[in-house]
Structures are given as C-alpha cells and as structure tokens.
PDB file of N, CA and C in Angstrom:
ATOM      1  N   MET A   1     -27.173   6.829   1.180  1.00  0.00           N
ATOM      2  CA  MET A   1     -25.933   6.285   0.445  1.00  0.00           C
ATOM      3  C   MET A   1     -25.128   5.479   1.544  1.00  0.00           C
ATOM      4  N   CYS A   2     -25.054   5.652   2.700  1.00  0.00           N
ATOM      5  CA  CYS A   2     -24.285   5.066   3.662  1.00  0.00           C
ATOM      6  C   CYS A   2     -24.587   3.531   3.521  1.00  0.00           C
ATOM      7  N   TRP A   3     -25.911   3.199   3.274  1.00  0.00           N
ATOM      8  CA  TRP A   3     -26.592   1.758   3.247  1.00  0.00           C
ATOM      9  C   TRP A   3     -25.783   1.364   2.041  1.00  0.00           C
ATOM     10  N   HIS A   4     -25.729   2.008   0.855  1.00  0.00           N
ATOM     11  CA  HIS A   4     -25.022   1.413  -0.350  1.00  0.00           C
ATOM     12  C   HIS A   4     -23.457   1.036  -0.147  1.00  0.00           C
ATOM     13  N   TRP A   5     -22.930   1.989   0.553  1.00  0.00           N
ATOM     14  CA  TRP A   5     -21.435   1.907   0.730  1.00  0.00           C
ATOM     15  C   TRP A   5     -21.158   0.718   1.998  1.00  0.00           C
ATOM     16  N   ASN A   6     -22.180   0.725   2.920  1.00  0.00           N
ATOM     17  CA  ASN A   6     -21.998  -0.553   3.686  1.00  0.00           C
ATOM     18  C   ASN A   6     -22.200  -1.940   2.718  1.00  0.00           C
ATOM     19  N   SER A   7     -23.201  -1.852   1.766  1.00  0.00           N
ATOM     20  CA  SER A   7     -23.415  -3.307   0.984  1.00  0.00           C
ATOM     21  C   SER A   7     -22.180  -3.594   0.213  1.00  0.00           C
ATOM     22  N   ILE A   8     -21.570  -2.323  -0.368  1.00  0.00           N
ATOM     23  CA  ILE A   8     -20.441  -2.547  -1.271  1.00  0.00           C
ATOM     24  C   ILE A   8     -19.308  -2.953  -0.303  1.00  0.00           C
ATOM     25  N   ILE A   9     -19.035  -2.838   0.866  1.00  0.00           N
ATOM     26  CA  ILE A   9     -18.058  -3.079   1.554  1.00  0.00           C
ATOM     27  C   ILE A   9     -18.125  -4.606   1.983  1.00  0.00           C
ATOM     28  N   ARG A  10     -19.377  -4.915   2.373  1.00  0.00           N
ATOM     29  CA  ARG A  10     -19.801  -6.549   2.612  1.00  0.00           C
ATOM     30  C   ARG A  10     -19.511  -7.094   1.453  1.00  0.00           C
ATOM     31  N   ILE A  11     -19.862  -6.760  -0.009  1.00  0.00           N
ATOM     32  CA  ILE A  11     -19.442  -7.612  -0.961  1.00  0.00           C
ATOM     33  C   ILE A  11     -18.035  -7.818  -1.214  1.00  0.00           C
ATOM     34  N   LEU A  12     -17.139  -6.786  -1.033  1.00  0.00           N
ATOM     35  CA  LEU A  12     -15.649  -6.603  -1.079  1.00  0.00           C
ATOM     36  C   LEU A  12     -15.208  -7.703  -0.208  1.00  0.00           C
ATOM     37  N   ARG A  13     -15.735  -7.611   1.172  1.00  0.00           N
ATOM     38  CA  ARG A  13     -14.853  -8.592   2.019  1.00  0.00           C
ATOM     39  C   ARG A  13     -15.434  -9.973   1.831  1.00  0.00           C
ATOM     40  N   TYR A  14     -16.734 -10.176   1.374  1.00  0.00           N
ATOM     41  CA  TYR A  14     -17.170 -11.579   0.891  1.00  0.00           C
ATOM     42  C   TYR A  14     -16.141 -11.889  -0.154  1.00  0.00           C
ATOM     43  N   LEU A  15     -16.000 -11.376  -1.263  1.00  0.00           N
ATOM     44  CA  LEU A  15     -15.001 -11.656  -2.422  1.00  0.00           C
ATOM     45  C   LEU A  15     -13.816 -12.202  -1.698  1.00  0.00           C
ATOM     46  N   LYS A  16     -13.097 -11.441  -0.813  1.00  0.00           N
ATOM     47  CA  LYS A  16     -11.937 -11.539  -0.307  1.00  0.00           C
ATOM     48  C   LYS A  16     -11.766 -12.832   0.160  1.00  0.00           C
ATOM     49  N   LYS A  17     -12.634 -12.951   1.442  1.00  0.00           N
ATOM     50  CA  LYS A  17     -12.495 -14.335   2.101  1.00  0.00           C
ATOM     51  C   LYS A  17     -13.146 -15.477   1.596  1.00  0.00           C
ATOM     52  N   ALA A  18     -13.789 -15.442   0.259  1.00  0.00           N
ATOM     53  CA  ALA A  18     -14.275 -16.542  -0.277  1.00  0.00           C
ATOM     54  C   ALA A  18     -13.942 -16.699  -1.951  1.00  0.00           C
ATOM     55  N   PRO A  19     -12.607 -16.791  -2.143  1.00  0.00           N
ATOM     56  CA  PRO A  19     -12.395 -16.744  -3.563  1.00  0.00           C
ATOM     57  C   PRO A  19     -12.971 -18.032  -4.193  1.00  0.00           C
ATOM     58  N   GLY A  20     -13.373 -17.847  -5.300  1.00  0.00           N
ATOM     59  CA  GLY A  20     -14.167 -19.057  -6.160  1.00  0.00           C
ATOM     60  C   GLY A  20     -15.551 -19.163  -5.830  1.00  0.00           C
ATOM     61  N   GLN A  21     -16.157 -18.580  -4.647  1.00  0.00           N
ATOM     62  CA  GLN A  21     -17.412 -18.990  -4.396  1.00  0.00           C
ATOM     63  C   GLN A  21     -18.559 -18.121  -5.237  1.00  0.00           C
ATOM     64  N   GLY A  22     -18.117 -17.010  -5.603  1.00  0.00           N
ATOM     65  CA  GLY A  22     -19.046 -16.146  -6.222  1.00  0.00           C
ATOM     66  C   GLY A  22     -19.960 -15.560  -5.698  1.00  0.00           C
ATOM     67  N   LEU A  23     -20.893 -14.775  -6.242  1.00  0.00           N
ATOM     68  CA  LEU A  23     -21.949 -13.724  -5.513  1.00  0.00           C
ATOM     69  C   LEU A  23     -23.441 -14.700  -5.640  1.00  0.00           C
ATOM     70  N   LEU A  24     -24.312 -14.370  -4.617  1.00  0.00           N
ATOM     71  CA  LEU A  24     -25.851 -14.890  -4.782  1.00  0.00           C
ATOM     72  C   LEU A  24     -26.438 -13.829  -5.229  1.00  0.00           C
ATOM     73  N   TYR A  25     -27.225 -14.055  -6.293  1.00  0.00           N
ATOM     74  CA  TYR A  25     -28.215 -13.011  -7.036  1.00  0.00           C
ATOM     75  C   TYR A  25     -29.531 -13.642  -6.574  1.00  0.00           C
ATOM     76  N   GLU A  26     -30.522 -12.753  -5.998  1.00  0.00           N
ATOM     77  CA  GLU A  26     -31.778 -12.969  -5.600  1.00  0.00           C
ATOM     78  C   GLU A  26     -32.688 -12.788  -6.580  1.00  0.00           C
ATOM     79  N   ASP A  27     -33.738 -13.531  -6.915  1.00  0.00           N
ATOM     80  CA  ASP A  27     -35.151 -13.118  -7.988  1.00  0.00           C
ATOM     81  C   ASP A  27     -35.757 -12.083  -7.066  1.00  0.00           C
ATOM     82  N   ARG A  28     -35.991 -10.908  -7.338  1.00  0.00           N
ATOM     83  CA  ARG A  28     -36.876 -10.332  -6.365  1.00  0.00           C
ATOM     84  C   ARG A  28     -38.056  -9.834  -7.282  1.00  0.00           C
ATOM     85  N   GLY A  29     -38.107 -10.375  -8.457  1.00  0.00           N
ATOM     86  CA  GLY A  29     -39.381  -9.822  -9.459  1.00  0.00           C
ATOM     87  C   GLY A  29     -39.443  -8.574 -10.079  1.00  0.00           C
ATOM     88  N   SER A  30     -38.231  -8.106  -9.917  1.00  0.00           N
ATOM     89  CA  SER A  30     -37.863  -6.607 -10.631  1.00  0.00           C
ATOM     90  C   SER A  30     -36.752  -6.590 -11.556  1.00  0.00           C
ATOM     91  N   PHE A  31     -36.731  -5.849 -12.349  1.00  0.00           N
ATOM     92  CA  PHE A  31     -35.511  -5.612 -13.367  1.00  0.00           C
ATOM     93  C   PHE A  31     -35.351  -4.310 -13.400  1.00  0.00           C
ATOM     94  N   HIS A  32     -35.479  -3.683 -12.388  1.00  0.00           N
ATOM     95  CA  HIS A  32     -35.282  -2.173 -12.067  1.00  0.00           C
ATOM     96  C   HIS A  32     -33.359  -2.134 -12.196  1.00  0.00           C
ATOM     97  N   VAL A  33     -33.311  -1.109 -12.914  1.00  0.00           N
ATOM     98  CA  VAL A  33     -31.619  -0.670 -12.937  1.00  0.00           C
ATOM     99  C   VAL A  33     -31.558   0.480 -12.345  1.00  0.00           C
ATOM    100  N   SER A  34     -30.634   0.089 -11.147  1.00  0.00           N
ATOM    101  CA  SER A  34     -30.153   1.280 -10.108  1.00  0.00           C
ATOM    102  C   SER A  34     -28.682   1.729 -10.453  1.00  0.00           C
ATOM    103  N   ARG A  35     -28.200   2.880 -10.192  1.00  0.00           N
ATOM    104  CA  ARG A  35     -26.727   3.201 -10.430  1.00  0.00           C
ATOM    105  C   ARG A  35     -26.597   4.215  -9.462  1.00  0.00           C
ATOM    106  N   TYR A  36     -25.383   4.053  -9.236  1.00  0.00           N
ATOM    107  CA  TYR A  36     -24.382   5.261  -8.464  1.00  0.00           C
ATOM    108  C   TYR A  36     -23.188   5.425  -8.705  1.00  0.00           C
ATOM    109  N   CYS A  37     -22.829   6.441  -8.449  1.00  0.00           N
ATOM    110  CA  CYS A  37     -21.240   7.169  -8.992  1.00  0.00           C
ATOM    111  C   CYS A  37     -20.760   7.757  -7.963  1.00  0.00           C
ATOM    112  N   ASP A  38     -19.747   7.957  -7.579  1.00  0.00           N
ATOM    113  CA  ASP A  38     -18.923   9.231  -6.689  1.00  0.00           C
ATOM    114  C   ASP A  38     -17.785   9.448  -7.240  1.00  0.00           C
ATOM    115  N   ALA A  39     -17.166  10.440  -6.661  1.00  0.00           N
ATOM    116  CA  ALA A  39     -15.807  10.840  -7.032  1.00  0.00           C
ATOM    117  C   ALA A  39     -15.042  11.324  -5.663  1.00  0.00           C
ATOM    118  N   ASP A  40     -13.874  11.169  -5.614  1.00  0.00           N
ATOM    119  CA  ASP A  40     -13.119  11.503  -4.485  1.00  0.00           C
ATOM    120  C   ASP A  40     -11.829  12.674  -4.970  1.00  0.00           C
ATOM    121  N   TRP A  41     -12.219  13.812  -5.079  1.00  0.00           N
ATOM    122  CA  TRP A  41     -11.470  15.156  -5.701  1.00  0.00           C
ATOM    123  C   TRP A  41      -9.893  15.061  -4.747  1.00  0.00           C
ATOM    124  N   VAL A  42      -9.104  14.883  -5.437  1.00  0.00           N
ATOM    125  CA  VAL A  42      -7.663  15.084  -5.099  1.00  0.00           C
ATOM    126  C   VAL A  42      -7.732  14.212  -3.932  1.00  0.00           C
ATOM    127  N   GLY A  43      -8.069  12.878  -4.071  1.00  0.00           N
ATOM    128  CA  GLY A  43      -8.029  11.927  -3.118  1.00  0.00           C
ATOM    129  C   GLY A  43      -6.748  11.588  -2.372  1.00  0.00           C
ATOM    130  N   SER A  44      -5.772  11.783  -3.154  1.00  0.00           N
ATOM    131  CA  SER A  44      -4.237  11.528  -2.999  1.00  0.00           C
ATOM    132  C   SER A  44      -3.439  12.765  -2.779  1.00  0.00           C
ATOM    133  N   SER A  45      -3.061  12.751  -1.583  1.00  0.00           N
ATOM    134  CA  SER A  45      -2.194  14.139  -1.386  1.00  0.00           C
ATOM    135  C   SER A  45      -0.837  14.134  -1.844  1.00  0.00           C
ATOM    136  N   MET A  46      -0.402  12.959  -2.346  1.00  0.00           N
ATOM    137  CA  MET A  46       0.988  12.706  -3.062  1.00  0.00           C
ATOM    138  C   MET A  46       0.803  12.883  -4.365  1.00  0.00           C
ATOM    139  N   ASP A  47      -0.032  12.695  -5.189  1.00  0.00           N
ATOM    140  CA  ASP A  47      -0.301  13.137  -6.623  1.00  0.00           C
ATOM    141  C   ASP A  47      -1.427  13.982  -6.932  1.00  0.00           C
ATOM    142  N   ARG A  48      -2.357  14.017  -6.068  1.00  0.00           N
ATOM    143  CA  ARG A  48      -3.344  15.079  -6.423  1.00  0.00           C
ATOM    144  C   ARG A  48      -4.498  14.509  -7.443  1.00  0.00           C
ATOM    145  N   ARG A  49      -4.501  13.120  -7.656  1.00  0.00           N
ATOM    146  CA  ARG A  49      -5.488  12.572  -8.492  1.00  0.00           C
ATOM    147  C   ARG A  49      -6.651  12.330  -7.857  1.00  0.00           C
ATOM    148  N   SER A  50      -7.707  12.114  -8.607  1.00  0.00           N
ATOM    149  CA  SER A  50      -9.083  11.919  -8.270  1.00  0.00           C
ATOM    150  C   SER A  50      -9.269  10.378  -8.314  1.00  0.00           C
ATOM    151  N   THR A  51     -10.164   9.731  -7.518  1.00  0.00           N
ATOM    152  CA  THR A  51     -10.602   8.548  -7.672  1.00  0.00           C
ATOM    153  C   THR A  51     -11.944   8.521  -7.973  1.00  0.00           C
ATOM    154  N   THR A  52     -12.401   7.860  -9.046  1.00  0.00           N
ATOM    155  CA  THR A  52     -14.024   7.613  -9.329  1.00  0.00           C
ATOM    156  C   THR A  52     -14.352   6.065  -9.016  1.00  0.00           C
ATOM    157  N   GLY A  53     -15.701   6.101  -9.166  1.00  0.00           N
ATOM    158  CA  GLY A  53     -16.238   4.649  -9.199  1.00  0.00           C
ATOM    159  C   GLY A  53     -17.498   4.800  -9.371  1.00  0.00           C
ATOM    160  N   TYR A  54     -18.165   3.367  -9.747  1.00  0.00           N
ATOM    161  CA  TYR A  54     -19.558   3.288 -10.053  1.00  0.00           C
ATOM    162  C   TYR A  54     -19.994   1.966  -9.728  1.00  0.00           C
ATOM    163  N   CYS A  55     -21.444   1.635  -9.459  1.00  0.00           N
ATOM    164  CA  CYS A  55     -21.916   0.426  -9.425  1.00  0.00           C
ATOM    165  C   CYS A  55     -23.280   0.550  -9.955  1.00  0.00           C
ATOM    166  N   VAL A  56     -23.559  -0.944 -10.677  1.00  0.00           N
ATOM    167  CA  VAL A  56     -24.777  -0.904 -11.493  1.00  0.00           C
ATOM    168  C   VAL A  56     -25.605  -1.828 -10.789  1.00  0.00           C
ATOM    169  N   PHE A  57     -26.546  -1.738 -10.542  1.00  0.00           N
ATOM    170  CA  PHE A  57     -27.506  -2.871 -10.048  1.00  0.00           C
ATOM    171  C   PHE A  57     -28.804  -3.181 -10.966  1.00  0.00           C
ATOM    172  N   LEU A  58     -29.183  -4.656 -10.946  1.00  0.00           N
ATOM    173  CA  LEU A  58     -30.325  -4.982 -11.770  1.00  0.00           C
ATOM    174  C   LEU A  58     -31.222  -5.765 -10.919  1.00  0.00           C
ATOM    175  N   GLY A  59     -32.376  -5.309 -10.454  1.00  0.00           N
ATOM    176  CA  GLY A  59     -33.193  -5.734  -9.593  1.00  0.00           C
ATOM    177  C   GLY A  59     -32.564  -5.947  -8.313  1.00  0.00           C
ATOM    178  N   GLY A  60     -31.757  -5.014  -7.747  1.00  0.00           N
ATOM    179  CA  GLY A  60     -31.215  -5.073  -6.429  1.00  0.00           C
ATOM    180  C   GLY A  60     -30.000  -5.804  -6.207  1.00  0.00           C
ATOM    181  N   ASN A  61     -29.652  -6.533  -7.534  1.00  0.00           N
ATOM    182  CA  ASN A  61     -28.391  -7.251  -7.388  1.00  0.00           C
ATOM    183  C   ASN A  61     -27.364  -6.608  -8.124  1.00  0.00           C
ATOM    184  N   ILE A  62     -26.030  -6.423  -7.678  1.00  0.00           N
ATOM    185  CA  ILE A  62     -25.076  -5.691  -8.297  1.00  0.00           C
ATOM    186  C   ILE A  62     -24.697  -6.566  -9.458  1.00  0.00           C
ATOM    187  N   ILE A  63     -24.379  -5.873 -10.709  1.00  0.00           N
ATOM    188  CA  ILE A  63     -23.968  -6.640 -11.844  1.00  0.00           C
ATOM    189  C   ILE A  63     -22.648  -6.245 -12.449  1.00  0.00           C
ATOM    190  N   SER A  64     -22.362  -4.810 -12.179  1.00  0.00           N
ATOM    191  CA  SER A  64     -21.172  -4.067 -12.663  1.00  0.00           C
ATOM    192  C   SER A  64     -20.497  -3.084 -11.792  1.00  0.00           C
ATOM    193  N   TRP A  65     -19.357  -2.989 -11.576  1.00  0.00           N
ATOM    194  CA  TRP A  65     -19.063  -2.002 -10.647  1.00  0.00           C
ATOM    195  C   TRP A  65     -17.407  -1.582 -11.116  1.00  0.00           C
ATOM    196  N   GLU A  66     -16.810  -0.370 -10.501  1.00  0.00           N
ATOM    197  CA  GLU A  66     -15.386  -0.211 -10.954  1.00  0.00           C
ATOM    198  C   GLU A  66     -14.856   1.114 -10.181  1.00  0.00           C
ATOM    199  N   SER A  67     -13.801   0.799  -9.587  1.00  0.00           N
ATOM    200  CA  SER A  67     -13.202   2.172  -9.081  1.00  0.00           C
ATOM    201  C   SER A  67     -11.765   2.204  -9.709  1.00  0.00           C
ATOM    202  N   LYS A  68     -11.515   3.585 -10.108  1.00  0.00           N
ATOM    203  CA  LYS A  68     -10.492   4.160 -10.891  1.00  0.00           C
ATOM    204  C   LYS A  68      -9.715   5.345 -10.452  1.00  0.00           C
ATOM    205  N   LYS A  69      -8.451   5.207 -10.443  1.00  0.00           N
ATOM    206  CA  LYS A  69      -7.824   6.432  -9.992  1.00  0.00           C
ATOM    207  C   LYS A  69      -7.361   7.007 -11.408  1.00  0.00           C
ATOM    208  N   HIS A  70      -7.572   8.176 -11.701  1.00  0.00           N
ATOM    209  CA  HIS A  70      -7.428   8.792 -13.064  1.00  0.00           C
ATOM    210  C   HIS A  70      -5.770   9.372 -13.134  1.00  0.00           C
ATOM    211  N   SER A  71      -5.555   9.091 -14.320  1.00  0.00           N
ATOM    212  CA  SER A  71      -4.315   9.399 -14.815  1.00  0.00           C
ATOM    213  C   SER A  71      -3.801  11.213 -14.725  1.00  0.00           C
ATOM    214  N   VAL A  72      -5.025  11.684 -14.969  1.00  0.00           N
ATOM    215  CA  VAL A  72      -4.804  13.159 -14.824  1.00  0.00           C
ATOM    216  C   VAL A  72      -5.372  13.764 -13.485  1.00  0.00           C
ATOM    217  N   VAL A  73      -5.152  15.011 -13.329  1.00  0.00           N
ATOM    218  CA  VAL A  73      -5.402  15.700 -12.154  1.00  0.00           C
ATOM    219  C   VAL A  73      -6.735  16.812 -12.579  1.00  0.00           C
ATOM    220  N   ALA A  74      -7.763  16.486 -11.968  1.00  0.00           N
ATOM    221  CA  ALA A  74      -8.982  16.964 -12.189  1.00  0.00           C
ATOM    222  C   ALA A  74      -8.725  18.659 -11.544  1.00  0.00           C
ATOM    223  N   ARG A  75      -9.330  19.571 -12.217  1.00  0.00           N
ATOM    224  CA  ARG A  75      -9.381  21.077 -11.713  1.00  0.00           C
ATOM    225  C   ARG A  75     -10.262  21.291 -10.768  1.00  0.00           C
ATOM    226  N   SER A  76     -11.343  20.831 -10.494  1.00  0.00           N
ATOM    227  CA  SER A  76     -12.644  21.092  -9.694  1.00  0.00           C
ATOM    228  C   SER A  76     -13.101  19.559  -9.241  1.00  0.00           C
ATOM    229  N   THR A  77     -13.895  19.738  -8.225  1.00  0.00           N
ATOM    230  CA  THR A  77     -14.940  18.920  -7.576  1.00  0.00           C
ATOM    231  C   THR A  77     -15.890  18.344  -9.034  1.00  0.00           C
ATOM    232  N   ALA A  78     -16.183  19.306  -9.727  1.00  0.00           N
ATOM    233  CA  ALA A  78     -17.306  19.131 -10.761  1.00  0.00           C
ATOM    234  C   ALA A  78     -16.827  18.321 -11.702  1.00  0.00           C
ATOM    235  N   GLU A  79     -15.324  18.541 -12.202  1.00  0.00           N
ATOM    236  CA  GLU A  79     -14.820  17.648 -13.043  1.00  0.00           C
ATOM    237  C   GLU A  79     -14.595  16.453 -12.892  1.00  0.00           C
ATOM    238  N   ALA A  80     -14.265  16.222 -11.358  1.00  0.00           N
ATOM    239  CA  ALA A  80     -13.943  14.885 -11.051  1.00  0.00           C
ATOM    240  C   ALA A  80     -15.562  14.033 -11.212  1.00  0.00           C
ATOM    241  N   GLU A  81     -16.510  14.887 -10.759  1.00  0.00           N
ATOM    242  CA  GLU A  81     -17.750  14.083 -10.772  1.00  0.00           C
ATOM    243  C   GLU A  81     -18.186  13.788 -12.059  1.00  0.00           C
ATOM    244  N   TYR A  82     -18.017  14.593 -13.069  1.00  0.00           N
ATOM    245  CA  TYR A  82     -18.190  14.400 -14.445  1.00  0.00           C
ATOM    246  C   TYR A  82     -17.619  13.231 -14.961  1.00  0.00           C
ATOM    247  N   ARG A  83     -16.366  13.139 -14.715  1.00  0.00           N
ATOM    248  CA  ARG A  83     -15.622  12.099 -15.105  1.00  0.00           C
ATOM    249  C   ARG A  83     -16.247  10.648 -14.478  1.00  0.00           C
ATOM    250  N   ALA A  84     -16.750  10.797 -13.235  1.00  0.00           N
ATOM    251  CA  ALA A  84     -17.249   9.626 -12.939  1.00  0.00           C
ATOM    252  C   ALA A  84     -18.730   9.366 -13.469  1.00  0.00           C
ATOM    253  N   MET A  85     -19.468  10.179 -13.543  1.00  0.00           N
ATOM    254  CA  MET A  85     -20.655  10.213 -14.502  1.00  0.00           C
ATOM    255  C   MET A  85     -20.425   9.595 -16.012  1.00  0.00           C
ATOM    256  N   THR A  86     -19.657  10.103 -16.456  1.00  0.00           N
ATOM    257  CA  THR A  86     -19.043   9.538 -17.994  1.00  0.00           C
ATOM    258  C   THR A  86     -18.727   8.465 -17.901  1.00  0.00           C
ATOM    259  N   SER A  87     -18.133   7.769 -17.142  1.00  0.00           N
ATOM    260  CA  SER A  87     -17.768   6.602 -17.083  1.00  0.00           C
ATOM    261  C   SER A  87     -19.058   5.521 -16.691  1.00  0.00           C
ATOM    262  N   LEU A  88     -19.630   5.920 -15.841  1.00  0.00           N
ATOM    263  CA  LEU A  88     -20.974   5.132 -15.443  1.00  0.00           C
ATOM    264  C   LEU A  88     -22.120   5.108 -16.674  1.00  0.00           C
ATOM    265  N   THR A  89     -22.057   6.465 -17.171  1.00  0.00           N
ATOM    266  CA  THR A  89     -22.970   6.416 -18.661  1.00  0.00           C
ATOM    267  C   THR A  89     -22.446   5.253 -19.588  1.00  0.00           C
ATOM    268  N   CYS A  90     -21.297   5.400 -19.996  1.00  0.00           N
ATOM    269  CA  CYS A  90     -20.625   4.347 -20.933  1.00  0.00           C
ATOM    270  C   CYS A  90     -21.211   2.869 -20.491  1.00  0.00           C
ATOM    271  N   GLU A  91     -21.045   2.904 -19.198  1.00  0.00           N
ATOM    272  CA  GLU A  91     -21.197   1.199 -18.789  1.00  0.00           C
ATOM    273  C   GLU A  91     -22.721   0.953 -18.882  1.00  0.00           C
ATOM    274  N   LEU A  92     -23.532   2.061 -18.401  1.00  0.00           N
ATOM    275  CA  LEU A  92     -25.118   1.739 -18.654  1.00  0.00           C
ATOM    276  C   LEU A  92     -25.477   1.441 -20.113  1.00  0.00           C
ATOM    277  N   ILE A  93     -24.893   2.410 -21.140  1.00  0.00           N
ATOM    278  CA  ILE A  93     -25.185   2.237 -22.335  1.00  0.00           C
ATOM    279  C   ILE A  93     -24.757   0.622 -22.657  1.00  0.00           C
ATOM    280  N   TRP A  94     -23.706   0.117 -22.148  1.00  0.00           N
ATOM    281  CA  TRP A  94     -23.172  -1.469 -22.748  1.00  0.00           C
ATOM    282  C   TRP A  94     -24.154  -2.166 -21.893  1.00  0.00           C
ATOM    283  N   VAL A  95     -24.248  -2.218 -20.707  1.00  0.00           N
ATOM    284  CA  VAL A  95     -25.369  -3.030 -20.108  1.00  0.00           C
ATOM    285  C   VAL A  95     -26.677  -2.942 -20.719  1.00  0.00           C
ATOM    286  N   LYS A  96     -26.995  -1.979 -21.186  1.00  0.00           N
ATOM    287  CA  LYS A  96     -28.473  -1.908 -21.966  1.00  0.00           C
ATOM    288  C   LYS A  96     -28.467  -2.635 -23.199  1.00  0.00           C
ATOM    289  N   GLN A  97     -27.257  -2.457 -24.055  1.00  0.00           N
ATOM    290  CA  GLN A  97     -27.378  -3.135 -25.111  1.00  0.00           C
ATOM    291  C   GLN A  97     -27.133  -4.658 -24.897  1.00  0.00           C
ATOM    292  N   PHE A  98     -26.116  -5.030 -24.070  1.00  0.00           N
ATOM    293  CA  PHE A  98     -25.856  -6.305 -23.543  1.00  0.00           C
ATOM    294  C   PHE A  98     -27.276  -7.000 -23.294  1.00  0.00           C
ATOM    295  N   LEU A  99     -28.135  -6.363 -22.261  1.00  0.00           N
ATOM    296  CA  LEU A  99     -29.471  -6.996 -22.065  1.00  0.00           C
ATOM    297  C   LEU A  99     -30.589  -6.934 -23.108  1.00  0.00           C
ATOM    298  N   GLN A 100     -30.508  -6.088 -23.922  1.00  0.00           N
ATOM    299  CA  GLN A 100     -31.224  -6.248 -25.202  1.00  0.00           C
ATOM    300  C   GLN A 100     -30.907  -7.561 -26.147  1.00  0.00           C
ATOM    301  N   GLU A 101     -29.812  -7.567 -26.423  1.00  0.00           N
ATOM    302  CA  GLU A 101     -29.230  -8.745 -27.236  1.00  0.00           C
ATOM    303  C   GLU A 101     -29.496 -10.000 -26.567  1.00  0.00           C
ATOM    304  N   LEU A 102     -29.533 -10.078 -25.008  1.00  0.00           N
ATOM    305  CA  LEU A 102     -30.154 -11.455 -24.661  1.00  0.00           C
ATOM    306  C   LEU A 102     -31.580 -11.481 -24.384  1.00  0.00           C
ATOM    307  N   ASN A 103     -32.282 -10.233 -25.028  1.00  0.00           N
ATOM    308  CA  ASN A 103     -33.734 -10.411 -24.657  1.00  0.00           C
ATOM    309  C   ASN A 103     -34.157 -10.492 -23.382  1.00  0.00           C
ATOM    310  N   PHE A 104     -33.195 -10.099 -22.224  1.00  0.00           N
ATOM    311  CA  PHE A 104     -33.425 -10.134 -21.098  1.00  0.00           C
ATOM    312  C   PHE A 104     -34.692  -9.445 -20.180  1.00  0.00           C
ATOM    313  N   CYS A 105     -34.772  -8.347 -20.659  1.00  0.00           N
ATOM    314  CA  CYS A 105     -36.147  -7.354 -20.289  1.00  0.00           C
ATOM    315  C   CYS A 105     -36.233  -6.207 -21.301  1.00  0.00           C
ATOM    316  N   ASP A 106     -37.426  -5.740 -21.386  1.00  0.00           N
ATOM    317  CA  ASP A 106     -37.634  -4.557 -22.293  1.00  0.00           C
ATOM    318  C   ASP A 106     -37.225  -3.252 -21.643  1.00  0.00           C
ATOM    319  N   ILE A 107     -36.100  -2.790 -21.881  1.00  0.00           N
ATOM    320  CA  ILE A 107     -35.518  -1.626 -21.455  1.00  0.00           C
ATOM    321  C   ILE A 107     -35.605  -0.565 -22.502  1.00  0.00           C
TER     322      ILE A 107
END
C-alpha cells in the first residue's frame, strides 16, 4: 500500500507543478483494472467527519480518483470503510459501462 500512496503523491505533485501538461499513459499490454480505497475515520478532530478516497487503474495507469470529506459522522471504522467501498463500487460500475460503450476491452 505504501508504494501506491507514494505514486498518488507523485501524481498530485506533478499536476500541481505542471498545469496543462496532463498525465503520461503507457501501453503496458494489459487492460487489467485495479482499484484501491481507504477511509480515515474521524480524520478531523474539529468536526469528527471521515474522509474517504479511491483510485482506479487501467493497465497500471490511473484513470479515476476521488477524495471526499463526508457530510455526516460515521459511527465506526467499518461504516467509514463501507462508505469508501460504496463510492468505489459506483465508480467501477460507471467505468465498466463506459469502457463497454467504447468497445475498449472485454470486461
């Protein structure tokens, strides 16, 4: 997980320092979809709200990501994690339908 976190930090630093440059996507010969999500339960001591996030990779290239502070307080770590997984699942359904519409790959 540490490697993925470092990759995300590198991408965000790149985007911050190079506006308008975009991201480089490499053809690695694979269309494998990878996904990761996480939650920070009670991440803020001020309002006790959780922050969740996810990222989706296609062939090792990031194609979607989100980080969100929730408007309600989660009652447990499990609830915060379920919220992260729910957001990721919705995004994966959308990505799957989008790729199928493009006839990009057989998913």
